[in-house]
C-alpha atoms as a PDB file:
ATOM      1  CA  MET A   1     134.344  77.582  69.009  1.00  0.00           C
ATOM      2  CA  SER A   2     134.175  74.271  70.820  1.00  0.00           C
ATOM      3  CA  LEU A   3     131.069  72.145  71.089  1.00  0.00           C
ATOM      4  CA  THR A   4     131.095  72.639  74.872  1.00  0.00           C
ATOM      5  CA  ALA A   5     130.986  76.431  74.467  1.00  0.00           C
ATOM      6  CA  ILE A   6     128.105  76.129  71.977  1.00  0.00           C
ATOM      7  CA  ILE A   7     126.134  73.917  74.387  1.00  0.00           C
ATOM      8  CA  ILE A   8     126.782  76.336  77.268  1.00  0.00           C
ATOM      9  CA  LEU A   9     125.559  79.277  75.133  1.00  0.00           C
ATOM     10  CA  ILE A  10     122.369  77.453  74.201  1.00  0.00           C
ATOM     11  CA  ILE A  11     121.631  76.275  77.754  1.00  0.00           C
ATOM     12  CA  LEU A  12     122.302  79.757  79.145  1.00  0.00           C
ATOM     13  CA  GLY A  13     119.982  81.224  76.498  1.00  0.00           C
ATOM     14  CA  ILE A  14     117.216  78.776  77.397  1.00  0.00           C
ATOM     15  CA  LEU A  15     117.660  79.558  81.105  1.00  0.00           C
ATOM     16  CA  LEU A  16     117.303  83.260  80.352  1.00  0.00           C
ATOM     17  CA  PHE A  17     114.071  82.463  78.507  1.00  0.00           C
ATOM     18  CA  TYR A  18     112.775  80.749  81.662  1.00  0.00           C
ATOM     19  CA  VAL A  19     113.726  83.767  83.740  1.00  0.00           C
ATOM     20  CA  GLU A  20     111.799  85.898  81.243  1.00  0.00           C
ATOM     21  CA  PHE A  21     108.684  83.724  81.239  1.00  0.00           C
ATOM     22  CA  LEU A  22     108.469  82.796  84.903  1.00  0.00           C
ATOM     23  CA  ILE A  23     109.986  85.652  86.897  1.00  0.00           C
ATOM     24  CA  ILE A  24     110.197  88.876  84.904  1.00  0.00           C
ATOM     25  CA  PRO A  25     106.971  89.945  83.184  1.00  0.00           C
ATOM     26  CA  GLY A  26     107.028  91.514  79.728  1.00  0.00           C
ATOM     27  CA  VAL A  27     109.753  91.645  77.131  1.00  0.00           C
ATOM     28  CA  THR A  28     112.986  92.454  78.925  1.00  0.00           C
ATOM     29  CA  VAL A  29     116.722  92.112  78.541  1.00  0.00           C
ATOM     30  CA  ALA A  30     116.609  88.510  79.802  1.00  0.00           C
ATOM     31  CA  GLY A  31     114.383  87.331  76.944  1.00  0.00           C
ATOM     32  CA  ILE A  32     116.294  89.264  74.303  1.00  0.00           C
ATOM     33  CA  ALA A  33     119.642  88.052  75.643  1.00  0.00           C
ATOM     34  CA  GLY A  34     118.316  84.481  75.770  1.00  0.00           C
ATOM     35  CA  ALA A  35     117.228  84.644  72.131  1.00  0.00           C
ATOM     36  CA  ILE A  36     120.584  86.088  71.092  1.00  0.00           C
ATOM     37  CA  LEU A  37     122.532  83.390  72.963  1.00  0.00           C
ATOM     38  CA  VAL A  38     120.494  80.560  71.427  1.00  0.00           C
ATOM     39  CA  ILE A  39     120.825  82.043  67.927  1.00  0.00           C
ATOM     40  CA  VAL A  40     124.588  82.584  68.351  1.00  0.00           C
ATOM     41  CA  GLY A  41     125.031  79.028  69.660  1.00  0.00           C
ATOM     42  CA  VAL A  42     123.166  77.514  66.714  1.00  0.00           C
ATOM     43  CA  PHE A  43     124.968  79.824  64.274  1.00  0.00           C
ATOM     44  CA  PHE A  44     128.383  78.748  65.533  1.00  0.00           C
ATOM     45  CA  GLY A  45     127.234  75.117  65.390  1.00  0.00           C
ATOM     46  CA  TYR A  46     126.600  75.517  61.659  1.00  0.00           C
ATOM     47  CA  LYS A  47     129.720  77.642  61.072  1.00  0.00           C
ATOM     48  CA  ASP A  48     132.240  75.507  62.949  1.00  0.00           C
ATOM     49  CA  PHE A  49     130.876  71.987  62.477  1.00  0.00           C
ATOM     50  CA  GLY A  50     129.049  72.095  59.138  1.00  0.00           C
ATOM     51  CA  VAL A  51     125.465  71.701  58.015  1.00  0.00           C
ATOM     52  CA  PRO A  52     124.708  68.142  59.282  1.00  0.00           C
ATOM     53  CA  THR A  53     126.010  68.866  62.798  1.00  0.00           C
ATOM     54  CA  GLY A  54     124.307  72.271  62.719  1.00  0.00           C
ATOM     55  CA  HIS A  55     121.009  70.540  61.981  1.00  0.00           C
ATOM     56  CA  TYR A  56     121.594  68.193  64.929  1.00  0.00           C
ATOM     57  CA  ILE A  57     122.352  71.150  67.217  1.00  0.00           C
ATOM     58  CA  LEU A  58     119.260  73.041  66.001  1.00  0.00           C
ATOM     59  CA  GLY A  59     117.008  70.003  66.374  1.00  0.00           C
ATOM     60  CA  SER A  60     118.432  69.149  69.785  1.00  0.00           C
ATOM     61  CA  THR A  61     117.900  72.752  70.913  1.00  0.00           C
ATOM     62  CA  ALA A  62     114.252  72.686  69.783  1.00  0.00           C
ATOM     63  CA  VAL A  63     113.560  69.287  71.369  1.00  0.00           C
ATOM     64  CA  PHE A  64     115.333  70.239  74.616  1.00  0.00           C
ATOM     65  CA  SER A  65     113.446  73.551  74.795  1.00  0.00           C
ATOM     66  CA  ILE A  66     110.029  71.995  74.270  1.00  0.00           C
ATOM     67  CA  PHE A  67     110.741  69.057  76.606  1.00  0.00           C
ATOM     68  CA  SER A  68     112.073  71.277  79.388  1.00  0.00           C
ATOM     69  CA  ILE A  69     109.141  73.693  79.082  1.00  0.00           C
ATOM     70  CA  VAL A  70     106.680  70.817  79.435  1.00  0.00           C
ATOM     71  CA  ILE A  71     108.539  69.381  82.446  1.00  0.00           C
ATOM     72  CA  MET A  72     108.999  72.727  84.188  1.00  0.00           C
ATOM     73  CA  LEU A  73     105.451  73.929  83.708  1.00  0.00           C
ATOM     74  CA  ARG A  74     104.083  70.649  85.072  1.00  0.00           C
ATOM     75  CA  SER A  75     106.335  70.891  88.090  1.00  0.00           C
ATOM     76  CA  LYS A  76     104.832  72.532  91.190  1.00  0.00           C
ATOM     77  CA  THR A  77     108.215  73.928  92.250  1.00  0.00           C
ATOM     78  CA  TRP A  78     108.028  76.673  89.618  1.00  0.00           C
ATOM     79  CA  GLU A  79     104.850  78.020  91.189  1.00  0.00           C
ATOM     80  CA  LYS A  80     106.927  79.051  94.199  1.00  0.00           C
ATOM     81  CA  ILE A  81     109.265  81.304  92.210  1.00  0.00           C
ATOM     82  CA  ALA A  82     106.962  82.435  89.416  1.00  0.00           C
ATOM     83  CA  LEU A  83     105.447  85.898  89.612  1.00  0.00           C
ATOM     84  CA  ASP A  84     101.871  85.339  90.727  1.00  0.00           C
ATOM     85  CA  SER A  85     100.503  88.421  92.412  1.00  0.00           C
ATOM     86  CA  LYS A  86      96.790  89.071  92.579  1.00  0.00           C
ATOM     87  CA  ILE A  87      95.066  92.242  93.593  1.00  0.00           C
ATOM     88  CA  ASP A  88      91.789  91.499  95.291  1.00  0.00           C
ATOM     89  CA  GLY A  89      91.139  94.991  96.629  1.00  0.00           C
ATOM     90  CA  LYS A  90      88.356  97.316  95.681  1.00  0.00           C
ATOM     91  CA  THR A  91      88.815 101.040  95.362  1.00  0.00           C
ATOM     92  CA  SER A  92      86.333 103.464  96.770  1.00  0.00           C
ATOM     93  CA  THR A  93      85.818 106.746  95.022  1.00  0.00           C
ATOM     94  CA  GLY A  94      84.190 108.277  98.045  1.00  0.00           C
ATOM     95  CA  LEU A  95      80.835 108.676  96.309  1.00  0.00           C
ATOM     96  CA  GLU A  96      79.326 105.989  98.530  1.00  0.00           C
ATOM     97  CA  VAL A  97      80.555 107.890 101.590  1.00  0.00           C
ATOM     98  CA  GLU A  98      79.538 111.377 100.436  1.00  0.00           C
ATOM     99  CA  LEU A  99      76.206 110.569  98.796  1.00  0.00           C
ATOM    100  CA  LYS A 100      73.343 108.156  99.245  1.00  0.00           C
ATOM    101  CA  LEU A 101      70.444 107.027  97.119  1.00  0.00           C
ATOM    102  CA  GLY A 102      67.638 109.538  97.122  1.00  0.00           C
ATOM    103  CA  ASP A 103      69.833 112.620  97.618  1.00  0.00           C
ATOM    104  CA  GLN A 104      68.508 115.509  95.546  1.00  0.00           C
ATOM    105  CA  GLY A 105      70.253 118.227  93.608  1.00  0.00           C
ATOM    106  CA  GLU A 106      70.131 120.227  90.423  1.00  0.00           C
ATOM    107  CA  THR A 107      71.711 119.872  86.992  1.00  0.00           C
ATOM    108  CA  VAL A 108      74.328 122.477  86.183  1.00  0.00           C
ATOM    109  CA  THR A 109      74.749 121.488  82.546  1.00  0.00           C
ATOM    110  CA  ARG A 110      72.566 119.519  80.190  1.00  0.00           C
ATOM    111  CA  LEU A 111      72.838 115.777  80.814  1.00  0.00           C
ATOM    112  CA  ASN A 112      73.254 114.403  77.331  1.00  0.00           C
ATOM    113  CA  PRO A 113      73.416 111.669  78.849  1.00  0.00           C
ATOM    114  CA  TYR A 114      76.462 112.867  80.843  1.00  0.00           C
ATOM    115  CA  GLY A 115      76.840 116.240  82.464  1.00  0.00           C
ATOM    116  CA  LYS A 116      77.419 118.088  85.745  1.00  0.00           C
ATOM    117  CA  VAL A 117      75.101 118.124  88.712  1.00  0.00           C
ATOM    118  CA  GLN A 118      75.234 119.920  92.050  1.00  0.00           C
ATOM    119  CA  ILE A 119      74.263 117.827  95.057  1.00  0.00           C
ATOM    120  CA  ASN A 120      74.826 118.927  98.663  1.00  0.00           C
ATOM    121  CA  ASN A 121      76.680 122.040  97.418  1.00  0.00           C
ATOM    122  CA  LYS A 122      79.264 119.912  95.553  1.00  0.00           C
ATOM    123  CA  PHE A 123      79.652 119.338  91.826  1.00  0.00           C
ATOM    124  CA  TYR A 124      79.684 115.819  90.363  1.00  0.00           C
ATOM    125  CA  GLU A 125      79.810 114.231  86.945  1.00  0.00           C
ATOM    126  CA  ALA A 126      76.553 112.332  86.449  1.00  0.00           C
ATOM    127  CA  LYS A 127      74.689 110.268  83.907  1.00  0.00           C
ATOM    128  CA  SER A 128      71.015 110.515  83.115  1.00  0.00           C
ATOM    129  CA  SER A 129      68.998 107.358  83.683  1.00  0.00           C
ATOM    130  CA  SER A 130      66.578 108.363  80.953  1.00  0.00           C
ATOM    131  CA  SER A 131      66.967 110.680  77.993  1.00  0.00           C
ATOM    132  CA  PHE A 132      68.306 114.216  78.126  1.00  0.00           C
ATOM    133  CA  ILE A 133      67.876 116.420  81.180  1.00  0.00           C
ATOM    134  CA  ASP A 134      67.994 120.197  80.747  1.00  0.00           C
ATOM    135  CA  PRO A 135      70.045 122.538  82.980  1.00  0.00           C
ATOM    136  CA  LYS A 136      68.526 123.791  86.247  1.00  0.00           C
ATOM    137  CA  THR A 137      66.364 120.653  86.545  1.00  0.00           C
ATOM    138  CA  LYS A 138      65.856 119.046  89.951  1.00  0.00           C
ATOM    139  CA  VAL A 139      67.305 115.510  90.010  1.00  0.00           C
ATOM    140  CA  GLU A 140      67.546 112.619  92.433  1.00  0.00           C
ATOM    141  CA  ILE A 141      70.271 109.979  92.765  1.00  0.00           C
ATOM    142  CA  LYS A 142      68.930 106.714  91.400  1.00  0.00           C
ATOM    143  CA  LYS A 143      72.113 104.611  91.545  1.00  0.00           C
ATOM    144  CA  ILE A 144      75.778 104.871  92.563  1.00  0.00           C
ATOM    145  CA  ASP A 145      77.786 102.436  90.453  1.00  0.00           C
ATOM    146  CA  GLY A 146      81.430 102.628  91.522  1.00  0.00           C
ATOM    147  CA  SER A 147      82.570 106.055  90.371  1.00  0.00           C
ATOM    148  CA  GLN A 148      79.507 106.674  88.241  1.00  0.00           C
ATOM    149  CA  LEU A 149      76.542 108.660  89.538  1.00  0.00           C
ATOM    150  CA  ILE A 150      73.209 107.941  87.843  1.00  0.00           C
ATOM    151  CA  VAL A 151      70.394 110.458  88.351  1.00  0.00           C
ATOM    152  CA  LYS A 152      66.761 110.803  87.311  1.00  0.00           C
ATOM    153  CA  PRO A 153      64.696 113.976  87.014  1.00  0.00           C
ATOM    154  CA  LEU A 154      62.161 114.819  89.692  1.00  0.00           C
ATOM    155  CA  ASN A 155      58.641 115.393  88.366  1.00  0.00           C
END
């Protein structure tokens, strides 16, 4: 294999690594193919040109990879093509819409500290704000924390 073909294999492998790191998240075919191409290029460098030239090819590949990573990650142009999606939304479980603080109901099962309660003729999974609460105990909503309903017994 010619030296030009070896260089093309290594450069193509490094480019596939960049595709893997900057565009495609996770371990995919691009990263695996990039690793294979770099390894094959270095292997053929040793096989066809001997150990000293193989060492030069391996060292040049390592230096070129590190140098190009530093240059490309400092460059602002990569930010335009890199995957950079953010989710700033907040999900609503509907508990805030259906229930409000102070609503009263009754425990269906023992809250130990979690269990089932019935509030406004609907069943919900709830957590006790104190210790255990026995079944058929009147409770009041103390806090609605996302999808978690926290209740306290009525005295």
